[in-house]
Amino acid sequence: MALPFKKRVLIVEDDQEIRNSFSLIVNSSQKFMVVNSYGNCEEAIENITRDKPEIVLMDIELPGMNGIQGTKYIKDKHPHIDVVMVTVYEDSELVFEALKAGAAGYITKSANYMELLNALEEIVKGGAPMSSRIARMVIDNFHVNPNSPLTKRETEILQLISEGKTYTQISEELFISKETAKTHIKNIYSKLQVNCKSEAIAKATQEKLI
């Protein structure tokens, strides 16, 4: 019985060690093969017609064009290609932006052998591998008031405030300084015309801002 054709995978990752590791894992599978790997989006896009990938493993933070811009370009020009984001932080807002740009899911750079292959399998089956936190962000995006005066970052911070997070926890979770978190919160209070956390949460809930 003839073996089925292997799915063609392209890797875009600027860390050579991770690139090599992912290549080894993908090539060890009976269902997938790496057709090429690049350290930046520009080279990958330049050769994508020749490489003919069906799935692209795309790092988010890259030199030059970042992974979100690269994903948008690939999906615009080659909508049949599935792009899976590769990221360090699974709760990063960048992942959410990448999904909105057309990515089909994401995996973390620390993904082990089985997690990587399971994610690829899920993509082939039409699924979208992602954490429950990112899935919640996607769902919440449909529920939030489209006329909200708050920016995406302010909305995210207000959501964390409503969960009872402190300035320190917010700054750690979003990888921003405590002062930046305080500035965002000050702007939130100003936009919502409130003076404290409880008033901000009450108004945000009432107006579906979070």
C-alpha atoms as a PDB file:
ATOM      1  CA  MET A   1       0.000   0.000   0.000  1.00  0.00           C
ATOM      2  CA  ALA A   2       1.476   3.359  -1.059  1.00  0.00           C
ATOM      3  CA  LEU A   3       2.157   5.913   1.644  1.00  0.00           C
ATOM      4  CA  PRO A   4       0.119   9.155   1.410  1.00  0.00           C
ATOM      5  CA  PHE A   5       1.947  12.304   0.323  1.00  0.00           C
ATOM      6  CA  LYS A   6       3.491  14.167   3.235  1.00  0.00           C
ATOM      7  CA  LYS A   7       2.152  17.642   4.038  1.00  0.00           C
ATOM      8  CA  ARG A   8       4.678  20.326   3.108  1.00  0.00           C
ATOM      9  CA  VAL A   9       5.811  22.513   6.035  1.00  0.00           C
ATOM     10  CA  LEU A  10       7.814  25.753   5.849  1.00  0.00           C
ATOM     11  CA  ILE A  11       9.557  27.130   8.957  1.00  0.00           C
ATOM     12  CA  VAL A  12      10.191  30.864   9.504  1.00  0.00           C
ATOM     13  CA  GLU A  13      12.199  31.318  12.711  1.00  0.00           C
ATOM     14  CA  ASP A  14      15.267  33.494  13.377  1.00  0.00           C
ATOM     15  CA  ASP A  15      16.642  31.244  16.139  1.00  0.00           C
ATOM     16  CA  GLN A  16      18.639  28.579  14.294  1.00  0.00           C
ATOM     17  CA  GLU A  17      18.538  26.134  17.207  1.00  0.00           C
ATOM     18  CA  ILE A  18      14.736  26.229  17.338  1.00  0.00           C
ATOM     19  CA  ARG A  19      14.582  26.064  13.536  1.00  0.00           C
ATOM     20  CA  ASN A  20      16.742  22.920  13.518  1.00  0.00           C
ATOM     21  CA  SER A  21      14.817  21.365  16.402  1.00  0.00           C
ATOM     22  CA  PHE A  22      11.433  21.903  14.718  1.00  0.00           C
ATOM     23  CA  SER A  23      12.836  20.603  11.414  1.00  0.00           C
ATOM     24  CA  LEU A  24      14.008  17.390  13.072  1.00  0.00           C
ATOM     25  CA  ILE A  25      10.626  16.847  14.725  1.00  0.00           C
ATOM     26  CA  VAL A  26       8.589  17.559  11.588  1.00  0.00           C
ATOM     27  CA  ASN A  27      10.823  15.426   9.349  1.00  0.00           C
ATOM     28  CA  SER A  28      10.638  12.492  11.777  1.00  0.00           C
ATOM     29  CA  SER A  29       6.878  12.314  11.184  1.00  0.00           C
ATOM     30  CA  GLN A  30       5.295  10.074   8.568  1.00  0.00           C
ATOM     31  CA  LYS A  31       2.761  12.778   7.702  1.00  0.00           C
ATOM     32  CA  PHE A  32       4.830  15.967   7.431  1.00  0.00           C
ATOM     33  CA  MET A  33       8.048  17.157   5.796  1.00  0.00           C
ATOM     34  CA  VAL A  34       9.994  20.429   5.943  1.00  0.00           C
ATOM     35  CA  VAL A  35      10.370  21.894   2.453  1.00  0.00           C
ATOM     36  CA  ASN A  36      12.551  24.785   3.639  1.00  0.00           C
ATOM     37  CA  SER A  37      13.348  27.026   6.598  1.00  0.00           C
ATOM     38  CA  TYR A  38      14.260  30.708   6.794  1.00  0.00           C
ATOM     39  CA  GLY A  39      15.423  33.213   9.391  1.00  0.00           C
ATOM     40  CA  ASN A  40      13.152  36.008   8.133  1.00  0.00           C
ATOM     41  CA  CYS A  41       9.824  36.628   6.377  1.00  0.00           C
ATOM     42  CA  GLU A  42      11.289  38.366   3.349  1.00  0.00           C
ATOM     43  CA  GLU A  43      13.218  35.293   2.160  1.00  0.00           C
ATOM     44  CA  ALA A  44      10.332  32.956   2.943  1.00  0.00           C
ATOM     45  CA  ILE A  45       7.879  35.090   0.931  1.00  0.00           C
ATOM     46  CA  GLU A  46      10.346  35.462  -1.941  1.00  0.00           C
ATOM     47  CA  ASN A  47      10.600  31.664  -2.291  1.00  0.00           C
ATOM     48  CA  ILE A  48       7.101  30.611  -1.252  1.00  0.00           C
ATOM     49  CA  THR A  49       5.915  29.877  -4.810  1.00  0.00           C
ATOM     50  CA  ARG A  50       8.890  27.562  -5.330  1.00  0.00           C
ATOM     51  CA  ASP A  51       8.657  25.901  -1.896  1.00  0.00           C
ATOM     52  CA  LYS A  52       4.877  25.324  -2.207  1.00  0.00           C
ATOM     53  CA  PRO A  53       4.185  24.865   1.536  1.00  0.00           C
ATOM     54  CA  GLU A  54       0.778  23.793   2.813  1.00  0.00           C
ATOM     55  CA  ILE A  55       1.584  24.858   6.376  1.00  0.00           C
ATOM     56  CA  VAL A  56       3.910  27.643   7.589  1.00  0.00           C
ATOM     57  CA  LEU A  57       5.309  27.671  11.146  1.00  0.00           C
ATOM     58  CA  MET A  58       5.789  31.418  11.648  1.00  0.00           C
ATOM     59  CA  ASP A  59       7.711  33.100  14.449  1.00  0.00           C
ATOM     60  CA  ILE A  60       6.041  36.339  15.609  1.00  0.00           C
ATOM     61  CA  GLU A  61       9.091  38.419  16.495  1.00  0.00           C
ATOM     62  CA  LEU A  62      11.402  38.485  13.482  1.00  0.00           C
ATOM     63  CA  PRO A  63      14.023  40.899  12.114  1.00  0.00           C
ATOM     64  CA  GLY A  64      12.550  43.135   9.411  1.00  0.00           C
ATOM     65  CA  MET A  65       8.974  42.142   8.581  1.00  0.00           C
ATOM     66  CA  ASN A  66       7.404  40.600  11.691  1.00  0.00           C
ATOM     67  CA  GLY A  67       5.353  37.412  11.734  1.00  0.00           C
ATOM     68  CA  ILE A  68       1.999  39.223  11.847  1.00  0.00           C
ATOM     69  CA  GLN A  69       2.805  41.240   8.717  1.00  0.00           C
ATOM     70  CA  GLY A  70       4.188  38.091   7.094  1.00  0.00           C
ATOM     71  CA  THR A  71       1.037  36.137   7.928  1.00  0.00           C
ATOM     72  CA  LYS A  72      -1.209  38.839   6.474  1.00  0.00           C
ATOM     73  CA  TYR A  73       0.847  38.916   3.268  1.00  0.00           C
ATOM     74  CA  ILE A  74       0.839  35.129   2.876  1.00  0.00           C
ATOM     75  CA  LYS A  75      -2.906  34.801   3.554  1.00  0.00           C
ATOM     76  CA  ASP A  76      -3.669  37.634   1.089  1.00  0.00           C
ATOM     77  CA  LYS A  77      -1.590  36.084  -1.697  1.00  0.00           C
ATOM     78  CA  HIS A  78      -1.936  32.372  -0.844  1.00  0.00           C
ATOM     79  CA  PRO A  79      -5.172  31.896   1.160  1.00  0.00           C
ATOM     80  CA  HIS A  80      -4.912  28.093   0.926  1.00  0.00           C
ATOM     81  CA  ILE A  81      -1.736  28.057   3.076  1.00  0.00           C
ATOM     82  CA  ASP A  82      -2.293  27.534   6.808  1.00  0.00           C
ATOM     83  CA  VAL A  83      -0.074  29.664   9.054  1.00  0.00           C
ATOM     84  CA  VAL A  84       0.663  28.543  12.614  1.00  0.00           C
ATOM     85  CA  MET A  85       2.278  31.131  14.890  1.00  0.00           C
ATOM     86  CA  VAL A  86       5.299  30.205  16.989  1.00  0.00           C
ATOM     87  CA  THR A  87       5.669  32.362  20.107  1.00  0.00           C
ATOM     88  CA  VAL A  88       7.396  32.597  23.474  1.00  0.00           C
ATOM     89  CA  TYR A  89       4.368  34.013  25.307  1.00  0.00           C
ATOM     90  CA  GLU A  90       1.101  32.142  24.934  1.00  0.00           C
ATOM     91  CA  ASP A  91      -0.939  35.025  26.370  1.00  0.00           C
ATOM     92  CA  SER A  92       0.652  37.708  24.217  1.00  0.00           C
ATOM     93  CA  GLU A  93      -1.696  40.176  22.532  1.00  0.00           C
ATOM     94  CA  LEU A  94       0.512  39.684  19.477  1.00  0.00           C
ATOM     95  CA  VAL A  95      -0.846  36.139  19.127  1.00  0.00           C
ATOM     96  CA  PHE A  96      -4.364  37.539  19.044  1.00  0.00           C
ATOM     97  CA  GLU A  97      -3.313  40.092  16.396  1.00  0.00           C
ATOM     98  CA  ALA A  98      -1.766  37.261  14.367  1.00  0.00           C
ATOM     99  CA  LEU A  99      -4.984  35.236  14.519  1.00  0.00           C
ATOM    100  CA  LYS A 100      -6.886  38.264  13.255  1.00  0.00           C
ATOM    101  CA  ALA A 101      -4.336  38.547  10.433  1.00  0.00           C
ATOM    102  CA  GLY A 102      -5.321  35.044   9.312  1.00  0.00           C
ATOM    103  CA  ALA A 103      -3.230  32.621  11.381  1.00  0.00           C
ATOM    104  CA  ALA A 104      -4.906  29.263  11.977  1.00  0.00           C
ATOM    105  CA  GLY A 105      -3.487  28.722  15.468  1.00  0.00           C
ATOM    106  CA  TYR A 106      -0.285  28.861  17.453  1.00  0.00           C
ATOM    107  CA  ILE A 107       2.259  26.848  19.390  1.00  0.00           C
ATOM    108  CA  THR A 108       4.849  27.935  21.933  1.00  0.00           C
ATOM    109  CA  LYS A 109       8.588  27.679  21.260  1.00  0.00           C
ATOM    110  CA  SER A 110       8.837  25.272  24.186  1.00  0.00           C
ATOM    111  CA  ALA A 111       6.464  22.812  22.461  1.00  0.00           C
ATOM    112  CA  ASN A 112       7.695  19.244  22.759  1.00  0.00           C
ATOM    113  CA  TYR A 113       7.717  16.576  20.057  1.00  0.00           C
ATOM    114  CA  MET A 114       4.086  15.504  20.521  1.00  0.00           C
ATOM    115  CA  GLU A 115       2.679  19.031  21.032  1.00  0.00           C
ATOM    116  CA  LEU A 116       4.174  20.211  17.742  1.00  0.00           C
ATOM    117  CA  LEU A 117       2.951  17.206  15.734  1.00  0.00           C
ATOM    118  CA  ASN A 118      -0.487  17.306  17.414  1.00  0.00           C
ATOM    119  CA  ALA A 119      -0.819  20.978  16.457  1.00  0.00           C
ATOM    120  CA  LEU A 120       0.030  20.163  12.832  1.00  0.00           C
ATOM    121  CA  GLU A 121      -2.454  17.259  12.867  1.00  0.00           C
ATOM    122  CA  GLU A 122      -5.151  19.561  14.228  1.00  0.00           C
ATOM    123  CA  ILE A 123      -4.502  22.119  11.467  1.00  0.00           C
ATOM    124  CA  VAL A 124      -4.817  19.400   8.797  1.00  0.00           C
ATOM    125  CA  LYS A 125      -8.164  18.355  10.292  1.00  0.00           C
ATOM    126  CA  GLY A 126      -9.413  21.946  10.072  1.00  0.00           C
ATOM    127  CA  GLY A 127      -8.890  22.753  13.745  1.00  0.00           C
ATOM    128  CA  ALA A 128      -7.179  25.711  15.393  1.00  0.00           C
ATOM    129  CA  PRO A 129      -4.609  24.816  18.068  1.00  0.00           C
ATOM    130  CA  MET A 130      -4.473  27.534  20.750  1.00  0.00           C
ATOM    131  CA  SER A 131      -4.676  27.948  24.517  1.00  0.00           C
ATOM    132  CA  SER A 132      -7.964  28.547  26.322  1.00  0.00           C
ATOM    133  CA  ARG A 133      -6.807  32.100  27.149  1.00  0.00           C
ATOM    134  CA  ILE A 134      -6.315  33.036  23.495  1.00  0.00           C
ATOM    135  CA  ALA A 135      -9.590  31.327  22.549  1.00  0.00           C
ATOM    136  CA  ARG A 136     -11.315  33.440  25.224  1.00  0.00           C
ATOM    137  CA  MET A 137      -9.757  36.614  23.766  1.00  0.00           C
ATOM    138  CA  VAL A 138     -11.111  35.656  20.337  1.00  0.00           C
ATOM    139  CA  ILE A 139     -14.613  35.052  21.718  1.00  0.00           C
ATOM    140  CA  ASP A 140     -14.568  38.198  23.851  1.00  0.00           C
ATOM    141  CA  ASN A 141     -13.665  40.231  20.788  1.00  0.00           C
ATOM    142  CA  PHE A 142     -17.100  39.421  19.345  1.00  0.00           C
ATOM    143  CA  HIS A 143     -18.848  40.465  22.538  1.00  0.00           C
ATOM    144  CA  VAL A 144     -17.119  43.781  23.234  1.00  0.00           C
ATOM    145  CA  ASN A 145     -18.899  47.024  22.364  1.00  0.00           C
ATOM    146  CA  PRO A 146     -17.471  48.080  18.962  1.00  0.00           C
ATOM    147  CA  ASN A 147     -17.920  51.755  19.929  1.00  0.00           C
ATOM    148  CA  SER A 148     -15.733  51.464  23.022  1.00  0.00           C
ATOM    149  CA  PRO A 149     -13.572  54.555  23.666  1.00  0.00           C
ATOM    150  CA  LEU A 150     -10.802  52.296  24.970  1.00  0.00           C
ATOM    151  CA  THR A 151      -7.838  50.991  22.984  1.00  0.00           C
ATOM    152  CA  LYS A 152      -7.196  47.225  22.793  1.00  0.00           C
ATOM    153  CA  ARG A 153      -4.459  47.519  25.422  1.00  0.00           C
ATOM    154  CA  GLU A 154      -6.717  49.556  27.757  1.00  0.00           C
ATOM    155  CA  THR A 155      -9.502  47.001  27.311  1.00  0.00           C
ATOM    156  CA  GLU A 156      -7.097  44.189  28.174  1.00  0.00           C
ATOM    157  CA  ILE A 157      -5.906  46.040  31.289  1.00  0.00           C
ATOM    158  CA  LEU A 158      -9.482  46.763  32.378  1.00  0.00           C
ATOM    159  CA  GLN A 159     -10.276  43.061  31.965  1.00  0.00           C
ATOM    160  CA  LEU A 160      -7.343  42.192  34.246  1.00  0.00           C
ATOM    161  CA  ILE A 161      -8.474  44.815  36.786  1.00  0.00           C
ATOM    162  CA  SER A 162     -11.924  43.188  36.788  1.00  0.00           C
ATOM    163  CA  GLU A 163     -10.213  39.873  37.565  1.00  0.00           C
ATOM    164  CA  GLY A 164      -8.705  41.468  40.661  1.00  0.00           C
ATOM    165  CA  LYS A 165      -5.141  41.770  39.345  1.00  0.00           C
ATOM    166  CA  THR A 166      -2.766  44.280  40.976  1.00  0.00           C
ATOM    167  CA  TYR A 167      -0.571  46.816  39.149  1.00  0.00           C
ATOM    168  CA  THR A 168       2.373  44.451  39.613  1.00  0.00           C
ATOM    169  CA  GLN A 169       0.474  41.425  38.270  1.00  0.00           C
ATOM    170  CA  ILE A 170      -0.822  43.428  35.290  1.00  0.00           C
ATOM    171  CA  SER A 171       2.665  44.694  34.424  1.00  0.00           C
ATOM    172  CA  GLU A 172       4.119  41.174  34.693  1.00  0.00           C
ATOM    173  CA  GLU A 173       1.344  39.555  32.655  1.00  0.00           C
ATOM    174  CA  LEU A 174       1.509  42.109  29.831  1.00  0.00           C
ATOM    175  CA  PHE A 175       5.292  42.575  29.952  1.00  0.00           C
ATOM    176  CA  ILE A 176       5.043  46.329  30.604  1.00  0.00           C
ATOM    177  CA  SER A 177       6.423  48.469  33.426  1.00  0.00           C
ATOM    178  CA  LYS A 178       4.330  49.253  36.505  1.00  0.00           C
ATOM    179  CA  GLU A 179       4.418  52.937  35.528  1.00  0.00           C
ATOM    180  CA  THR A 180       3.065  52.138  32.051  1.00  0.00           C
ATOM    181  CA  ALA A 181       0.257  50.099  33.641  1.00  0.00           C
ATOM    182  CA  LYS A 182      -0.593  53.035  35.932  1.00  0.00           C
ATOM    183  CA  THR A 183      -0.632  55.436  32.971  1.00  0.00           C
ATOM    184  CA  HIS A 184      -3.036  53.148  31.073  1.00  0.00           C
ATOM    185  CA  ILE A 185      -5.312  52.890  34.118  1.00  0.00           C
ATOM    186  CA  LYS A 186      -5.291  56.701  34.529  1.00  0.00           C
ATOM    187  CA  ASN A 187      -6.329  57.025  30.863  1.00  0.00           C
ATOM    188  CA  ILE A 188      -9.088  54.430  31.360  1.00  0.00           C
ATOM    189  CA  TYR A 189     -10.514  56.379  34.334  1.00  0.00           C
ATOM    190  CA  SER A 190     -10.370  59.603  32.320  1.00  0.00           C
ATOM    191  CA  LYS A 191     -12.123  58.117  29.262  1.00  0.00           C
ATOM    192  CA  LEU A 192     -14.816  56.446  31.354  1.00  0.00           C
ATOM    193  CA  GLN A 193     -15.159  59.511  33.633  1.00  0.00           C
ATOM    194  CA  VAL A 194     -14.767  57.441  36.798  1.00  0.00           C
ATOM    195  CA  ASN A 195     -12.556  57.783  39.881  1.00  0.00           C
ATOM    196  CA  CYS A 196     -11.856  54.245  41.081  1.00  0.00           C
ATOM    197  CA  LYS A 197     -11.587  50.579  40.077  1.00  0.00           C
ATOM    198  CA  SER A 198     -15.091  49.612  41.206  1.00  0.00           C
ATOM    199  CA  GLU A 199     -16.676  52.457  39.197  1.00  0.00           C
ATOM    200  CA  ALA A 200     -14.589  51.550  36.138  1.00  0.00           C
ATOM    201  CA  ILE A 201     -15.590  47.869  36.345  1.00  0.00           C
ATOM    202  CA  ALA A 202     -19.272  48.733  36.880  1.00  0.00           C
ATOM    203  CA  LYS A 203     -19.346  51.089  33.880  1.00  0.00           C
ATOM    204  CA  ALA A 204     -17.362  48.689  31.685  1.00  0.00           C
ATOM    205  CA  THR A 205     -19.731  45.822  32.514  1.00  0.00           C
ATOM    206  CA  GLN A 206     -22.840  47.950  31.940  1.00  0.00           C
ATOM    207  CA  GLU A 207     -21.597  49.242  28.563  1.00  0.00           C
ATOM    208  CA  LYS A 208     -20.039  45.907  27.512  1.00  0.00           C
ATOM    209  CA  LEU A 209     -16.547  47.356  27.258  1.00  0.00           C
ATOM    210  CA  ILE A 210     -15.021  44.112  28.567  1.00  0.00           C
END
